[in-house]
Protein backbone atom coordinates (compact mmCIF):
# COMPACT_ATOMS: atom_id res chain seq x y z
CA MET A 1 91.05 81.20 83.16
CA ASN A 2 93.53 78.70 83.72
CA LYS A 3 96.85 79.80 85.71
CA SER A 4 99.02 80.57 82.85
CA ILE A 5 96.65 82.64 80.94
CA LYS A 6 96.42 84.51 84.41
CA THR A 7 100.36 84.93 84.50
CA LEU A 8 100.15 86.12 81.03
CA LEU A 9 98.27 88.75 81.14
CA LEU A 10 99.74 90.03 84.56
CA SER A 11 103.18 89.98 83.19
CA SER A 12 101.88 91.64 80.03
CA VAL A 13 100.26 94.43 82.04
CA LEU A 14 103.10 95.05 84.64
CA ALA A 15 106.00 95.04 81.55
CA LEU A 16 107.12 98.38 82.35
CA GLY A 17 109.48 100.21 80.13
CA LEU A 18 108.23 98.00 77.42
CA SER A 19 106.20 98.46 74.01
CA ALA A 20 102.42 97.96 74.45
CA GLN A 21 101.64 94.03 74.15
CA THR A 22 98.56 93.14 72.41
CA ILE A 23 96.60 91.13 75.24
CA VAL A 24 93.15 90.02 73.22
CA THR A 25 92.08 90.81 69.78
CA VAL A 26 87.80 91.44 69.66
CA ASN A 27 86.99 91.46 65.51
CA GLY A 28 90.42 92.92 64.67
CA VAL A 29 90.37 95.34 67.99
CA ASN A 30 93.58 95.37 69.82
CA ILE A 31 93.71 95.38 73.49
CA THR A 32 97.10 96.20 74.85
CA SER A 33 98.90 96.00 78.14
CA GLU A 34 99.01 100.11 77.98
CA ASP A 35 95.18 100.14 77.70
CA VAL A 36 94.53 97.62 80.92
CA ASN A 37 97.15 99.22 82.53
CA LYS A 38 95.74 102.69 82.22
CA VAL A 39 92.27 101.57 83.78
CA LEU A 40 94.03 99.22 86.34
CA GLN A 41 96.12 102.36 87.69
CA GLU A 42 93.54 104.73 87.80
CA GLY A 43 90.86 102.14 89.53
CA THR A 44 93.53 101.88 92.13
CA GLN A 45 94.62 105.32 92.18
CA GLY A 46 98.57 104.08 91.37
CA ARG A 47 98.57 101.50 93.71
CA PHE A 48 98.07 98.29 91.40
CA SER A 49 101.39 96.93 91.88
CA THR A 50 101.32 97.26 95.73
CA LEU A 51 98.22 94.89 95.65
CA PRO A 52 98.73 90.82 96.37
CA THR A 53 99.47 89.19 93.24
CA GLN A 54 96.35 87.22 93.63
CA LYS A 55 94.40 90.36 93.88
CA GLN A 56 96.36 91.57 90.78
CA GLN A 57 95.01 88.93 88.78
CA GLU A 58 91.75 88.99 89.56
CA LEU A 59 91.60 93.03 88.89
CA THR A 60 93.75 92.42 85.65
CA LYS A 61 91.21 89.75 84.69
CA ARG A 62 88.13 91.72 85.45
CA VAL A 63 89.59 94.51 83.61
CA VAL A 64 90.46 92.63 80.08
CA ASP A 65 86.62 90.78 80.44
CA ASN A 66 84.98 94.26 80.58
CA MET A 67 87.04 95.68 77.92
CA VAL A 68 86.20 92.77 75.81
CA VAL A 69 82.27 93.01 76.24
CA GLN A 70 82.77 96.97 75.75
CA GLU A 71 83.89 96.28 72.32
CA LEU A 72 81.59 93.46 71.56
CA VAL A 73 78.60 95.90 72.63
CA TYR A 74 80.06 99.02 70.67
CA ALA A 75 80.30 96.85 67.70
CA ASP A 76 77.07 95.66 67.78
CA ALA A 77 75.94 99.63 68.28
CA LYS A 78 77.37 100.25 65.33
CA LYS A 79 76.02 97.91 63.26
CA SER A 80 72.58 98.32 64.79
CA GLY A 81 72.96 101.90 63.36
CA VAL A 82 72.77 103.06 67.10
CA LEU A 83 75.60 105.65 66.35
CA LYS A 84 73.66 107.08 63.59
CA SER A 85 70.47 107.79 65.84
CA LYS A 86 69.21 110.96 66.94
CA GLU A 87 69.21 110.08 70.57
CA PHE A 88 72.92 108.97 70.33
CA LYS A 89 74.26 112.04 68.81
CA THR A 90 72.57 114.70 71.05
CA GLU A 91 73.96 112.58 74.25
CA LEU A 92 77.68 112.60 72.25
CA ASP A 93 77.34 116.40 72.37
CA LYS A 94 76.11 116.74 75.61
CA VAL A 95 79.44 114.32 76.23
CA MET A 96 81.93 116.38 74.51
CA VAL A 97 80.98 119.50 76.04
CA ASN A 98 82.10 117.51 79.63
CA VAL A 99 85.08 115.88 77.68
CA LYS A 100 86.25 119.02 76.79
CA LYS A 101 86.45 120.68 79.94
CA GLN A 102 87.85 117.80 81.97
CA LEU A 103 90.47 117.20 79.24
CA ALA A 104 90.99 121.04 79.27
CA ALA A 105 91.42 121.14 82.96
CA LYS A 106 93.67 117.76 82.83
CA VAL A 107 96.04 119.10 80.40
CA TRP A 108 96.22 122.61 82.02
CA GLU A 109 97.00 121.33 85.83
CA LYS A 110 99.67 118.73 83.89
CA GLN A 111 101.42 121.96 82.14
CA GLU A 112 101.39 124.22 85.61
CA PHE A 113 102.59 121.45 87.61
CA ALA A 114 105.57 120.57 84.86
CA LYS A 115 106.52 124.59 85.93
CA ILE A 116 107.34 123.35 89.30
CA SER A 117 111.18 123.09 90.11
CA VAL A 118 112.64 122.10 93.61
CA SER A 119 116.14 122.54 94.23
CA LYS A 120 118.26 119.60 94.93
CA LYS A 121 119.36 121.56 98.07
CA ASP A 122 115.72 121.77 99.41
CA VAL A 123 115.12 117.97 99.17
CA LYS A 124 118.78 117.29 100.59
CA ALA A 125 117.73 119.67 103.85
CA TYR A 126 114.08 118.25 103.78
CA TYR A 127 116.06 114.79 104.53
CA ASN A 128 118.04 115.61 106.74
CA SER A 129 115.39 117.37 108.83
CA HIS A 130 112.57 114.62 108.45
CA LYS A 131 114.51 111.45 108.94
CA SER A 132 112.26 109.91 111.31
CA GLU A 133 110.10 109.78 108.46
CA PHE A 134 112.16 107.00 106.37
CA VAL A 135 112.47 104.90 108.88
CA GLU A 136 111.58 101.29 108.07
CA LYS A 137 110.41 99.54 111.09
CA GLU A 138 111.89 95.94 112.17
CA LYS A 139 109.91 92.89 110.21
CA VAL A 140 109.33 89.24 110.77
CA HIS A 141 108.11 86.44 108.15
CA ALA A 142 106.22 84.22 110.28
CA ARG A 143 103.94 81.42 110.19
CA HIS A 144 101.76 80.01 112.38
CA ILE A 145 99.38 77.15 113.96
CA LEU A 146 96.14 78.29 115.54
CA VAL A 147 94.19 75.79 117.72
CA LYS A 148 91.28 75.71 120.37
CA THR A 149 93.39 74.49 122.91
CA GLU A 150 96.35 74.34 124.61
CA ASP A 151 96.70 70.37 124.40
CA SER A 152 96.55 70.43 120.76
CA ALA A 153 98.88 73.22 120.57
CA LYS A 154 101.60 71.01 122.88
CA ASN A 155 100.54 67.89 120.80
CA ILE A 156 101.79 69.54 117.69
CA ILE A 157 105.13 70.98 119.35
CA SER A 158 106.24 67.76 120.20
CA GLN A 159 105.78 66.41 116.62
CA LEU A 160 107.86 69.24 115.70
CA ALA A 161 109.86 69.30 118.64
CA PHE A 162 113.21 67.43 117.28
CA LEU A 163 113.61 68.59 113.64
CA THR A 164 115.59 71.85 112.51
CA GLY A 165 115.99 72.95 109.44
CA ASP A 166 114.18 72.50 106.08
CA ALA A 167 112.76 69.52 107.79
CA LEU A 168 111.19 71.58 110.28
CA LYS A 169 109.57 74.03 108.15
CA ALA A 170 108.42 71.27 105.77
CA LYS A 171 106.45 69.62 108.83
CA PHE A 172 105.22 72.57 110.27
CA ILE A 173 103.45 73.70 106.88
CA GLU A 174 102.04 70.32 106.32
CA LEU A 175 100.87 70.67 110.38
CA ALA A 176 99.62 74.58 109.70
CA LYS A 177 97.23 72.74 106.52
CA THR A 178 95.82 69.90 108.31
CA GLU A 179 95.69 71.50 111.92
CA SER A 180 95.39 74.98 111.97
CA THR A 181 91.73 76.63 112.62
CA GLY A 182 93.17 80.19 111.24
CA PRO A 183 92.78 81.43 107.54
CA SER A 184 96.20 81.30 107.09
CA GLY A 185 96.16 77.58 107.49
CA PRO A 186 95.81 76.56 103.64
CA LYS A 187 98.94 78.39 102.94
CA GLY A 188 100.66 76.52 105.36
CA GLY A 189 100.23 79.22 108.37
CA ASP A 190 102.00 81.62 106.60
CA LEU A 191 101.75 85.09 107.62
CA GLY A 192 103.58 87.09 105.18
CA SER A 193 106.09 90.21 106.70
CA PHE A 194 104.76 92.43 109.21
CA PRO A 195 106.25 94.67 111.42
CA ARG A 196 106.46 95.36 114.78
CA GLY A 197 103.33 96.39 116.76
CA GLN A 198 101.09 94.94 113.91
CA MET A 199 99.90 91.38 116.11
CA VAL A 200 98.00 91.31 119.17
CA PRO A 201 100.90 91.92 121.73
CA GLU A 202 100.91 88.46 122.71
CA PHE A 203 102.03 87.41 119.63
CA ASN A 204 103.99 90.29 118.97
CA ASP A 205 106.30 89.73 121.87
CA LYS A 206 107.14 85.92 121.12
CA VAL A 207 107.28 86.63 117.33
CA PHE A 208 109.83 89.36 117.98
CA SER A 209 112.01 87.69 120.98
CA MET A 210 112.42 84.62 118.30
CA GLN A 211 115.22 83.35 116.39
CA VAL A 212 115.45 82.88 112.44
CA GLY A 213 114.43 78.91 111.59
CA THR A 214 113.01 78.18 115.21
CA ILE A 215 109.22 77.58 116.65
CA THR A 216 107.92 78.43 120.08
CA ARG A 217 108.53 75.67 122.48
CA GLU A 218 105.48 76.52 124.74
CA PRO A 219 102.11 77.56 122.91
CA VAL A 220 101.05 81.10 123.06
CA LYS A 221 97.55 82.21 124.37
CA THR A 222 96.16 85.22 122.69
CA GLN A 223 92.33 85.91 122.19
CA PHE A 224 91.91 83.85 118.97
CA GLY A 225 93.25 80.81 120.65
CA TYR A 226 96.78 78.94 120.79
CA HIS A 227 99.22 79.45 118.60
CA ILE A 228 102.68 77.75 117.65
CA ILE A 229 104.78 79.85 115.44
CA TYR A 230 107.70 79.55 113.32
CA LEU A 231 109.82 82.43 112.75
CA GLU A 232 110.91 82.15 109.00
CA ASP A 233 112.50 85.56 108.13
CA LYS A 234 113.76 88.57 110.75
CA LYS A 235 114.54 92.19 108.94
CA ALA A 236 116.33 94.71 111.13
CA GLY A 237 114.96 97.90 110.98
CA LYS A 238 116.76 100.69 109.12
CA THR A 239 116.65 104.16 107.65
CA LEU A 240 116.64 104.67 104.53
CA THR A 241 119.39 106.14 102.52
CA TYR A 242 118.78 109.45 100.80
CA ASN A 243 119.45 107.81 97.32
CA ASP A 244 116.52 105.62 98.26
CA VAL A 245 114.00 108.46 98.71
CA GLU A 246 115.28 111.33 96.45
CA LYS A 247 112.73 110.77 94.11
CA PHE A 248 110.09 110.78 97.02
CA ILE A 249 111.31 113.71 98.26
CA ASP A 250 111.08 115.42 95.14
CA GLN A 251 107.51 114.66 94.19
CA LYS A 252 106.56 115.55 97.57
CA LEU A 253 108.01 118.82 97.33
CA LYS A 254 106.35 119.57 94.22
CA LEU A 255 103.33 118.81 94.78
CA GLU A 256 103.29 120.78 98.33
CA LYS A 257 104.17 124.09 96.20
CA PHE A 258 101.30 123.05 93.60
CA LYS A 259 98.79 122.91 96.43
CA LYS A 260 99.75 126.29 97.22
CA LYS A 261 100.27 127.64 93.57
CA MET A 262 96.98 126.48 92.79
CA GLU A 263 95.52 128.18 96.06
CA THR A 264 96.63 131.36 94.76
CA LYS A 265 95.76 130.73 91.22
CA MET A 266 92.33 130.13 91.71
CA LYS A 267 91.80 132.68 94.48
CA SER A 268 93.11 135.05 91.20
CA LEU A 269 90.71 133.40 88.97
CA LYS A 270 87.72 133.98 91.02
CA ASP A 271 89.01 137.50 92.04
CA GLY A 272 88.98 138.58 88.61
CA ALA A 273 85.74 136.51 87.42
CA LYS A 274 81.81 137.39 87.38
CA ILE A 275 80.52 134.78 89.36
CA THR A 276 76.51 135.35 90.01
CA TYR A 277 75.31 132.73 92.58
CA ALA A 278 71.24 132.36 91.76
CA ARG A 279 69.03 132.89 95.00
């Protein structure tokens, strides 16, 4: 699948708030972005949007391919008479019993959860007493070039020493692609954004002391080798505002109340039921 098709698939699936778009048609049957998104959300437990773009593209392609195959197999099964066979009908009856129970439980839980309410006063009180939960750590966006020897690192630094601004960044990316032994080399040494404490101590201490748009003037030695670091961006830590997290807290408190309600409800149902375990 070429890049443009991947992008089209992904943009269709992520088009939130828009009507479902048809991604592919198989013998007249439309597979929509809504269909695909449902599978992706269930498969990633609602975390699809937090995945890296490349991973989102891979998963989307896999899901679409599987749904196409499913339609093709289903159509062939119908054509060959599988749906009229005794075996199919017997298996379908068994499946439907479980489906009805699972669907009933799902709708029941949804309706019970809808009855849960949390006051804005409680949400505000939680925020004020748990502000430490809503602190975003200081983050940096850095690149690095990893080499095996100190001399190699110093040689690279000498090539960068008199450059600044865009010229420095461009040359750093070029050298990262050709000289770095780390897995980020092909990406220009890009490590993405990360908070304080995520990297090994020697790397962490140095990168958080740097100024944006500069490189380390001396190699940074770690257990992995020698690093030359370029600091692309730095964001100070901050406490998220009440407006930033109000919906999150509301949902969190509702889930906590729902859990307690379900424990009480299940105890009541068990106490009122006749349950006999086989010996």
